[in-house]
């Protein structure tokens, strides 16, 4: 089947096949996705999918298998999630953490990155230099400038926290 024949086949059968698969699955969106995926697979097989002379049947069967496979994955995923331990309730961030995050957002991106890598990720200057692709001296300068840029924001926050 050449491109024009395939395009004609697609346009004349897509809606009918989606309707048929919708009747089988009960899910319109899943039917559309599965039929679309079946057409993609058919095109990638370039004519080999039409060997038996029933391309519509091939698409319908392939779409059905795709839909069933997705349903099984969702079902199995749901079972796995029920087996997992329930998530612990974690307290929200402290006011200090919120203030620090807000202050970090006000610092230029490269300085912020250096501060986070050094102080939160515990990387050395050399490790940061390797990860960011800049010389160690540049990392040191970014850290110094970043700390200096953070200081006023953290002082403001500390003052407002003590007033409350």
N, C-alpha and C. Protein backbone atom coordinates (compact mmCIF):
# COMPACT_ATOMS: atom_id res chain seq x y z
N UNK A 1 0.86 -1.17 0.00
CA UNK A 1 0.00 0.00 0.00
C UNK A 1 0.90 1.23 0.00
N UNK A 2 0.72 2.11 -0.98
CA UNK A 2 1.53 3.33 -1.03
C UNK A 2 0.91 4.41 -0.13
N UNK A 3 1.55 5.55 -0.08
CA UNK A 3 1.13 6.63 0.83
C UNK A 3 -0.30 7.08 0.53
N UNK A 4 -0.63 7.30 -0.72
CA UNK A 4 -1.98 7.77 -1.07
C UNK A 4 -3.04 6.73 -0.71
N UNK A 5 -2.76 5.47 -1.00
CA UNK A 5 -3.71 4.41 -0.65
C UNK A 5 -3.89 4.33 0.87
N UNK A 6 -2.79 4.45 1.58
CA UNK A 6 -2.86 4.39 3.04
C UNK A 6 -3.65 5.57 3.58
N UNK A 7 -3.42 6.76 3.03
CA UNK A 7 -4.15 7.95 3.48
C UNK A 7 -5.64 7.78 3.23
N UNK A 8 -6.00 7.27 2.08
CA UNK A 8 -7.40 7.03 1.76
C UNK A 8 -7.99 5.98 2.71
N UNK A 9 -7.24 4.92 2.93
CA UNK A 9 -7.68 3.87 3.86
C UNK A 9 -7.90 4.45 5.25
N UNK A 10 -6.98 5.28 5.69
CA UNK A 10 -7.08 5.90 7.02
C UNK A 10 -8.33 6.77 7.11
N UNK A 11 -8.49 7.67 6.14
CA UNK A 11 -9.61 8.62 6.22
C UNK A 11 -10.97 7.94 6.08
N UNK A 12 -11.04 6.85 5.35
CA UNK A 12 -12.34 6.19 5.17
C UNK A 12 -12.68 5.21 6.30
N UNK A 13 -11.69 4.78 7.06
CA UNK A 13 -11.97 3.76 8.07
C UNK A 13 -11.77 4.20 9.51
N UNK A 14 -11.05 5.30 9.73
CA UNK A 14 -10.69 5.68 11.10
C UNK A 14 -11.91 5.81 12.01
N UNK A 15 -12.89 6.61 11.61
CA UNK A 15 -14.04 6.85 12.48
C UNK A 15 -14.85 5.57 12.71
N UNK A 16 -14.98 4.75 11.70
CA UNK A 16 -15.70 3.49 11.85
C UNK A 16 -14.97 2.58 12.84
N UNK A 17 -13.64 2.49 12.70
CA UNK A 17 -12.86 1.64 13.60
C UNK A 17 -12.90 2.17 15.04
N UNK A 18 -12.84 3.49 15.19
CA UNK A 18 -12.94 4.06 16.54
C UNK A 18 -14.30 3.72 17.14
N UNK A 19 -15.35 3.84 16.35
CA UNK A 19 -16.69 3.49 16.84
C UNK A 19 -16.78 2.04 17.26
N UNK A 20 -16.19 1.15 16.47
CA UNK A 20 -16.21 -0.27 16.80
C UNK A 20 -15.43 -0.54 18.07
N UNK A 21 -14.25 0.06 18.18
CA UNK A 21 -13.44 -0.17 19.38
C UNK A 21 -14.08 0.48 20.60
N UNK A 22 -14.74 1.61 20.41
CA UNK A 22 -15.45 2.25 21.51
C UNK A 22 -16.54 1.31 22.04
N UNK A 23 -17.23 0.65 21.13
CA UNK A 23 -18.25 -0.31 21.56
C UNK A 23 -17.62 -1.47 22.32
N UNK A 24 -16.42 -1.85 21.96
CA UNK A 24 -15.74 -2.96 22.63
C UNK A 24 -15.18 -2.56 23.99
N UNK A 25 -14.65 -1.32 24.09
CA UNK A 25 -13.96 -0.91 25.31
C UNK A 25 -14.82 -0.06 26.23
N UNK A 26 -15.77 0.66 25.68
CA UNK A 26 -16.59 1.56 26.48
C UNK A 26 -15.89 2.87 26.81
N UNK A 27 -14.77 3.13 26.18
CA UNK A 27 -13.99 4.33 26.47
C UNK A 27 -13.61 4.99 25.15
N UNK A 28 -14.25 6.13 24.86
CA UNK A 28 -14.03 6.83 23.59
C UNK A 28 -12.58 7.27 23.40
N UNK A 29 -12.01 7.87 24.44
CA UNK A 29 -10.63 8.36 24.32
C UNK A 29 -9.66 7.20 24.11
N UNK A 30 -9.85 6.12 24.85
CA UNK A 30 -8.98 4.94 24.69
C UNK A 30 -9.14 4.35 23.30
N UNK A 31 -10.36 4.32 22.79
CA UNK A 31 -10.59 3.79 21.44
C UNK A 31 -9.85 4.62 20.40
N UNK A 32 -9.93 5.94 20.52
CA UNK A 32 -9.22 6.80 19.57
C UNK A 32 -7.71 6.60 19.66
N UNK A 33 -7.18 6.56 20.87
CA UNK A 33 -5.74 6.37 21.05
C UNK A 33 -5.28 5.02 20.50
N UNK A 34 -6.02 3.98 20.79
CA UNK A 34 -5.62 2.64 20.36
C UNK A 34 -5.68 2.50 18.84
N UNK A 35 -6.73 3.03 18.24
CA UNK A 35 -6.83 2.96 16.77
C UNK A 35 -5.72 3.78 16.13
N UNK A 36 -5.46 4.96 16.68
CA UNK A 36 -4.38 5.79 16.14
C UNK A 36 -3.05 5.05 16.23
N UNK A 37 -2.79 4.43 17.37
CA UNK A 37 -1.54 3.67 17.54
C UNK A 37 -1.48 2.50 16.56
N UNK A 38 -2.61 1.85 16.32
CA UNK A 38 -2.64 0.74 15.36
C UNK A 38 -2.30 1.24 13.95
N UNK A 39 -2.80 2.40 13.58
CA UNK A 39 -2.47 2.96 12.27
C UNK A 39 -0.99 3.30 12.18
N UNK A 40 -0.43 3.82 13.25
CA UNK A 40 1.01 4.13 13.26
C UNK A 40 1.81 2.84 13.05
N UNK A 41 1.43 1.80 13.75
CA UNK A 41 2.12 0.52 13.59
C UNK A 41 1.95 -0.03 12.18
N UNK A 42 0.76 0.12 11.62
CA UNK A 42 0.51 -0.36 10.26
C UNK A 42 1.39 0.37 9.26
N UNK A 43 1.48 1.69 9.42
CA UNK A 43 2.31 2.45 8.49
C UNK A 43 3.77 2.05 8.60
N UNK A 44 4.23 1.78 9.81
CA UNK A 44 5.63 1.40 9.97
C UNK A 44 5.91 0.03 9.37
N UNK A 45 4.87 -0.78 9.17
CA UNK A 45 5.04 -2.10 8.54
C UNK A 45 4.98 -2.00 7.01
N UNK A 46 4.60 -0.86 6.50
CA UNK A 46 4.60 -0.55 5.06
C UNK A 46 4.16 -1.70 4.17
N UNK A 47 2.89 -1.96 4.16
CA UNK A 47 2.38 -2.95 3.23
C UNK A 47 2.40 -4.37 3.75
N UNK A 48 3.25 -4.67 4.70
CA UNK A 48 3.29 -6.04 5.23
C UNK A 48 2.06 -6.34 6.06
N UNK A 49 1.41 -5.32 6.58
CA UNK A 49 0.22 -5.57 7.40
C UNK A 49 -0.96 -5.96 6.54
N UNK A 50 -0.89 -5.76 5.21
CA UNK A 50 -2.01 -6.01 4.31
C UNK A 50 -1.84 -7.31 3.53
N UNK A 51 -1.02 -8.20 3.99
CA UNK A 51 -0.75 -9.44 3.24
C UNK A 51 -1.99 -10.32 3.10
N UNK A 52 -2.84 -10.35 4.11
CA UNK A 52 -4.02 -11.22 4.03
C UNK A 52 -5.21 -10.54 3.35
N UNK A 53 -5.03 -9.29 2.94
CA UNK A 53 -6.09 -8.59 2.22
C UNK A 53 -7.18 -8.04 3.12
N UNK A 54 -6.95 -7.99 4.41
CA UNK A 54 -7.96 -7.47 5.33
C UNK A 54 -7.33 -6.42 6.25
N UNK A 55 -6.93 -5.29 5.68
CA UNK A 55 -6.23 -4.29 6.50
C UNK A 55 -7.10 -3.74 7.63
N UNK A 56 -8.39 -3.62 7.40
CA UNK A 56 -9.27 -3.09 8.45
C UNK A 56 -9.32 -4.07 9.63
N UNK A 57 -9.36 -5.33 9.34
CA UNK A 57 -9.34 -6.34 10.40
C UNK A 57 -8.04 -6.28 11.17
N UNK A 58 -6.93 -6.09 10.45
CA UNK A 58 -5.62 -6.01 11.10
C UNK A 58 -5.59 -4.82 12.06
N UNK A 59 -6.10 -3.67 11.61
CA UNK A 59 -6.11 -2.47 12.44
C UNK A 59 -6.99 -2.71 13.67
N UNK A 60 -8.18 -3.25 13.47
CA UNK A 60 -9.11 -3.49 14.57
C UNK A 60 -8.51 -4.45 15.60
N UNK A 61 -7.90 -5.54 15.13
CA UNK A 61 -7.29 -6.52 16.04
C UNK A 61 -6.12 -5.90 16.79
N UNK A 62 -5.29 -5.15 16.08
CA UNK A 62 -4.14 -4.50 16.71
C UNK A 62 -4.60 -3.46 17.73
N UNK A 63 -5.60 -2.67 17.37
CA UNK A 63 -6.13 -1.67 18.30
C UNK A 63 -6.71 -2.33 19.54
N UNK A 64 -7.42 -3.44 19.36
CA UNK A 64 -7.97 -4.17 20.50
C UNK A 64 -6.85 -4.65 21.42
N UNK A 65 -5.80 -5.20 20.84
CA UNK A 65 -4.68 -5.68 21.65
C UNK A 65 -4.00 -4.54 22.40
N UNK A 66 -3.86 -3.40 21.74
CA UNK A 66 -3.27 -2.23 22.38
C UNK A 66 -4.14 -1.80 23.57
N UNK A 67 -5.44 -1.72 23.37
CA UNK A 67 -6.35 -1.31 24.44
C UNK A 67 -6.30 -2.29 25.61
N UNK A 68 -6.29 -3.58 25.32
CA UNK A 68 -6.24 -4.59 26.38
C UNK A 68 -4.92 -4.49 27.13
N UNK A 69 -3.84 -4.29 26.40
CA UNK A 69 -2.53 -4.18 27.04
C UNK A 69 -2.48 -2.97 27.97
N UNK A 70 -3.02 -1.86 27.53
CA UNK A 70 -3.06 -0.66 28.38
C UNK A 70 -3.93 -0.90 29.61
N UNK A 71 -5.06 -1.55 29.42
CA UNK A 71 -5.95 -1.84 30.53
C UNK A 71 -5.23 -2.72 31.56
N UNK A 72 -4.52 -3.73 31.09
CA UNK A 72 -3.79 -4.61 32.01
C UNK A 72 -2.71 -3.86 32.77
N UNK A 73 -2.00 -2.98 32.08
CA UNK A 73 -0.97 -2.20 32.76
C UNK A 73 -1.57 -1.31 33.84
N UNK A 74 -2.70 -0.67 33.52
CA UNK A 74 -3.37 0.17 34.52
C UNK A 74 -3.84 -0.67 35.70
N UNK A 75 -4.42 -1.82 35.40
CA UNK A 75 -4.91 -2.71 36.46
C UNK A 75 -3.76 -3.17 37.34
N UNK A 76 -2.68 -3.63 36.71
CA UNK A 76 -1.54 -4.11 37.48
C UNK A 76 -0.88 -2.98 38.26
N UNK A 77 -0.83 -1.80 37.67
CA UNK A 77 -0.29 -0.64 38.37
C UNK A 77 -1.13 -0.30 39.58
N UNK A 78 -2.45 -0.40 39.45
CA UNK A 78 -3.34 -0.15 40.58
C UNK A 78 -3.13 -1.16 41.69
N UNK A 79 -2.95 -2.40 41.31
CA UNK A 79 -2.67 -3.43 42.33
C UNK A 79 -1.37 -3.15 43.04
N UNK A 80 -0.37 -2.78 42.28
CA UNK A 80 0.93 -2.48 42.88
C UNK A 80 0.83 -1.30 43.83
N UNK A 81 0.07 -0.29 43.45
CA UNK A 81 -0.09 0.87 44.32
C UNK A 81 -0.81 0.50 45.61
N UNK A 82 -1.77 -0.41 45.54
CA UNK A 82 -2.47 -0.84 46.76
C UNK A 82 -1.56 -1.64 47.67
N UNK A 83 -0.58 -2.33 47.09
CA UNK A 83 0.37 -3.10 47.90
C UNK A 83 1.40 -2.21 48.58
N UNK A 84 1.66 -1.07 47.99
CA UNK A 84 2.67 -0.16 48.54
C UNK A 84 2.19 0.38 49.88
N UNK A 85 3.13 0.63 50.73
CA UNK A 85 2.81 1.18 52.04
C UNK A 85 2.23 2.58 51.87
N UNK A 86 1.26 2.93 52.69
CA UNK A 86 0.70 4.28 52.57
C UNK A 86 1.76 5.33 52.88
N UNK A 87 1.67 6.41 52.18
CA UNK A 87 2.65 7.47 52.35
C UNK A 87 2.49 8.09 53.74
N UNK A 88 3.61 8.39 54.34
CA UNK A 88 3.60 9.05 55.63
C UNK A 88 3.21 10.50 55.45
N UNK A 89 2.55 11.02 56.44
CA UNK A 89 2.23 12.44 56.41
C UNK A 89 3.49 13.21 56.79
N UNK A 90 3.85 14.12 55.94
CA UNK A 90 5.07 14.89 56.16
C UNK A 90 4.66 16.32 56.47
N UNK A 91 5.19 16.90 57.53
CA UNK A 91 4.84 18.28 57.84
C UNK A 91 5.31 19.22 56.74
N UNK A 92 4.62 20.32 56.60
CA UNK A 92 4.98 21.31 55.59
C UNK A 92 6.29 21.98 55.91
N UNK A 93 6.77 22.79 55.01
CA UNK A 93 8.05 23.47 55.24
C UNK A 93 7.93 24.49 56.38
N UNK A 94 9.02 24.66 57.08
CA UNK A 94 9.06 25.64 58.16
C UNK A 94 9.12 27.05 57.57
N UNK A 95 8.78 28.05 58.35
CA UNK A 95 8.87 29.43 57.83
C UNK A 95 10.29 29.78 57.38
N UNK A 96 11.30 29.25 58.07
CA UNK A 96 12.69 29.51 57.66
C UNK A 96 12.97 28.95 56.28
N UNK A 97 12.47 27.73 56.03
CA UNK A 97 12.71 27.09 54.73
C UNK A 97 12.00 27.86 53.63
N UNK A 98 10.80 28.29 53.87
CA UNK A 98 10.05 29.07 52.89
C UNK A 98 10.79 30.37 52.59
N UNK A 99 11.25 31.03 53.64
CA UNK A 99 11.98 32.29 53.47
C UNK A 99 13.27 32.07 52.69
N UNK A 100 13.98 30.99 52.99
CA UNK A 100 15.24 30.69 52.29
C UNK A 100 14.96 30.43 50.81
N UNK A 101 13.90 29.68 50.52
CA UNK A 101 13.55 29.38 49.13
C UNK A 101 13.19 30.66 48.38
N UNK A 102 12.42 31.52 49.02
CA UNK A 102 12.07 32.79 48.39
C UNK A 102 13.30 33.65 48.16
N UNK A 103 14.22 33.67 49.11
CA UNK A 103 15.45 34.44 48.96
C UNK A 103 16.29 33.88 47.82
N UNK A 104 16.38 32.56 47.73
CA UNK A 104 17.16 31.94 46.64
C UNK A 104 16.61 32.34 45.27
N UNK A 105 15.30 32.46 45.17
CA UNK A 105 14.69 32.82 43.88
C UNK A 105 15.10 34.21 43.42
N UNK A 106 15.53 35.04 44.34
CA UNK A 106 15.91 36.42 44.01
C UNK A 106 17.38 36.53 43.58
N UNK A 107 18.13 35.47 43.72
CA UNK A 107 19.56 35.45 43.38
C UNK A 107 19.70 34.99 41.93
N UNK A 108 20.63 35.54 41.16
CA UNK A 108 20.82 35.10 39.77
C UNK A 108 21.03 33.57 39.68
N UNK A 109 20.55 33.00 38.60
CA UNK A 109 20.48 31.55 38.43
C UNK A 109 21.82 30.84 38.66
N UNK A 110 22.91 31.30 38.09
CA UNK A 110 24.19 30.60 38.24
C UNK A 110 24.71 30.68 39.67
N UNK A 111 24.47 31.81 40.32
CA UNK A 111 24.87 31.93 41.72
C UNK A 111 24.00 31.00 42.59
N UNK A 112 22.73 30.98 42.30
CA UNK A 112 21.81 30.10 43.03
C UNK A 112 22.22 28.64 42.85
N UNK A 113 22.56 28.27 41.64
CA UNK A 113 22.97 26.89 41.38
C UNK A 113 24.21 26.54 42.19
N UNK A 114 25.19 27.43 42.22
CA UNK A 114 26.42 27.18 42.97
C UNK A 114 26.12 27.04 44.46
N UNK A 115 25.26 27.91 44.98
CA UNK A 115 24.90 27.84 46.41
C UNK A 115 24.22 26.52 46.73
N UNK A 116 23.28 26.12 45.92
CA UNK A 116 22.56 24.87 46.17
C UNK A 116 23.50 23.68 46.08
N UNK A 117 24.34 23.64 45.05
CA UNK A 117 25.27 22.51 44.91
C UNK A 117 26.25 22.44 46.09
N UNK A 118 26.69 23.58 46.57
CA UNK A 118 27.68 23.59 47.65
C UNK A 118 27.04 23.34 49.01
N UNK A 119 25.99 24.07 49.31
CA UNK A 119 25.42 24.02 50.66
C UNK A 119 24.36 22.94 50.84
N UNK A 120 23.62 22.63 49.82
CA UNK A 120 22.56 21.64 49.97
C UNK A 120 22.95 20.26 49.46
N UNK A 121 23.75 20.22 48.40
CA UNK A 121 24.18 18.93 47.84
C UNK A 121 25.54 18.49 48.39
N UNK A 122 26.18 19.36 49.16
CA UNK A 122 27.48 19.06 49.78
C UNK A 122 28.56 18.69 48.76
N UNK A 123 28.56 19.35 47.61
CA UNK A 123 29.61 19.13 46.63
C UNK A 123 30.78 20.06 46.93
N UNK A 124 31.96 19.62 46.56
CA UNK A 124 33.14 20.46 46.71
C UNK A 124 33.20 21.46 45.57
N UNK A 125 34.08 22.44 45.69
CA UNK A 125 34.28 23.43 44.63
C UNK A 125 34.64 22.72 43.33
N UNK A 126 35.56 21.76 43.41
CA UNK A 126 36.00 21.05 42.20
C UNK A 126 34.86 20.23 41.59
N UNK A 127 34.03 19.62 42.42
CA UNK A 127 32.90 18.85 41.91
C UNK A 127 31.89 19.77 41.21
N UNK A 128 31.67 20.93 41.80
CA UNK A 128 30.74 21.89 41.19
C UNK A 128 31.31 22.38 39.86
N UNK A 129 32.61 22.64 39.85
CA UNK A 129 33.26 23.10 38.61
C UNK A 129 33.09 22.05 37.51
N UNK A 130 33.29 20.79 37.86
CA UNK A 130 33.16 19.72 36.88
C UNK A 130 31.70 19.60 36.39
N UNK A 131 30.76 19.71 37.32
CA UNK A 131 29.35 19.55 36.95
C UNK A 131 28.84 20.72 36.11
N UNK A 132 29.29 21.91 36.42
CA UNK A 132 28.79 23.09 35.71
C UNK A 132 29.65 23.48 34.50
N UNK A 133 30.84 22.88 34.41
CA UNK A 133 31.70 23.16 33.26
C UNK A 133 32.38 24.52 33.32
N UNK A 134 32.63 25.01 34.52
CA UNK A 134 33.33 26.30 34.66
C UNK A 134 34.55 26.09 35.56
N UNK A 135 35.53 26.99 35.52
CA UNK A 135 36.70 26.87 36.38
C UNK A 135 36.32 27.00 37.86
N UNK A 136 37.16 26.45 38.72
CA UNK A 136 36.93 26.51 40.17
C UNK A 136 36.86 27.95 40.66
N UNK A 137 37.66 28.82 40.10
CA UNK A 137 37.63 30.23 40.49
C UNK A 137 36.27 30.86 40.21
N UNK A 138 35.64 30.47 39.12
CA UNK A 138 34.32 30.98 38.79
C UNK A 138 33.30 30.49 39.81
N UNK A 139 33.44 29.24 40.22
CA UNK A 139 32.53 28.69 41.24
C UNK A 139 32.68 29.48 42.53
N UNK A 140 33.93 29.73 42.93
CA UNK A 140 34.17 30.49 44.16
C UNK A 140 33.56 31.89 44.07
N UNK A 141 33.71 32.52 42.92
CA UNK A 141 33.16 33.87 42.74
C UNK A 141 31.63 33.83 42.79
N UNK A 142 31.03 32.84 42.17
CA UNK A 142 29.57 32.72 42.20
C UNK A 142 29.07 32.48 43.61
N UNK A 143 29.80 31.65 44.36
CA UNK A 143 29.41 31.41 45.75
C UNK A 143 29.48 32.70 46.57
N UNK A 144 30.58 33.42 46.43
CA UNK A 144 30.75 34.66 47.19
C UNK A 144 29.67 35.68 46.81
N UNK A 145 29.46 35.86 45.53
CA UNK A 145 28.45 36.83 45.07
C UNK A 145 27.04 36.38 45.46
N UNK A 146 26.80 35.09 45.37
CA UNK A 146 25.50 34.56 45.73
C UNK A 146 25.20 34.74 47.21
N UNK A 147 26.19 34.46 48.05
CA UNK A 147 26.01 34.66 49.50
C UNK A 147 25.75 36.14 49.80
N UNK A 148 26.50 36.99 49.14
CA UNK A 148 26.31 38.43 49.35
C UNK A 148 24.92 38.87 48.89
N UNK A 149 24.45 38.30 47.81
CA UNK A 149 23.12 38.65 47.29
C UNK A 149 22.02 38.11 48.20
N UNK A 150 22.25 36.99 48.84
CA UNK A 150 21.26 36.39 49.74
C UNK A 150 21.12 37.15 51.05
N UNK A 151 22.21 37.69 51.53
CA UNK A 151 22.26 38.29 52.87
C UNK A 151 21.14 39.29 53.13
N UNK A 152 20.89 40.27 52.26
CA UNK A 152 19.82 41.24 52.58
C UNK A 152 18.44 40.58 52.69
N UNK A 153 18.18 39.60 51.84
CA UNK A 153 16.87 38.95 51.86
C UNK A 153 16.69 38.14 53.13
N UNK A 154 17.75 37.50 53.57
CA UNK A 154 17.66 36.69 54.78
C UNK A 154 17.58 37.58 56.02
N UNK A 155 18.22 38.75 56.00
CA UNK A 155 18.10 39.69 57.12
C UNK A 155 16.68 40.21 57.23
N UNK A 156 16.07 40.54 56.07
CA UNK A 156 14.68 41.00 56.06
C UNK A 156 13.77 39.95 56.66
N UNK A 157 14.00 38.70 56.27
CA UNK A 157 13.16 37.61 56.76
C UNK A 157 13.36 37.40 58.25
N UNK A 158 14.61 37.44 58.70
CA UNK A 158 14.88 37.26 60.12
C UNK A 158 14.22 38.36 60.93
N UNK A 159 14.25 39.59 60.44
CA UNK A 159 13.63 40.72 61.14
C UNK A 159 12.11 40.54 61.20
N UNK A 160 11.51 40.10 60.10
CA UNK A 160 10.05 39.92 60.10
C UNK A 160 9.64 38.75 60.96
N UNK A 161 10.46 37.72 61.07
CA UNK A 161 10.13 36.57 61.90
C UNK A 161 10.21 36.91 63.38
N UNK A 162 11.12 37.79 63.76
CA UNK A 162 11.25 38.13 65.17
C UNK A 162 10.17 39.12 65.59
N UNK A 163 9.64 39.89 64.66
CA UNK A 163 8.59 40.86 64.97
C UNK A 163 7.28 40.14 65.25
N UNK A 164 6.98 39.10 64.52
CA UNK A 164 5.71 38.41 64.63
C UNK A 164 5.55 37.78 65.93
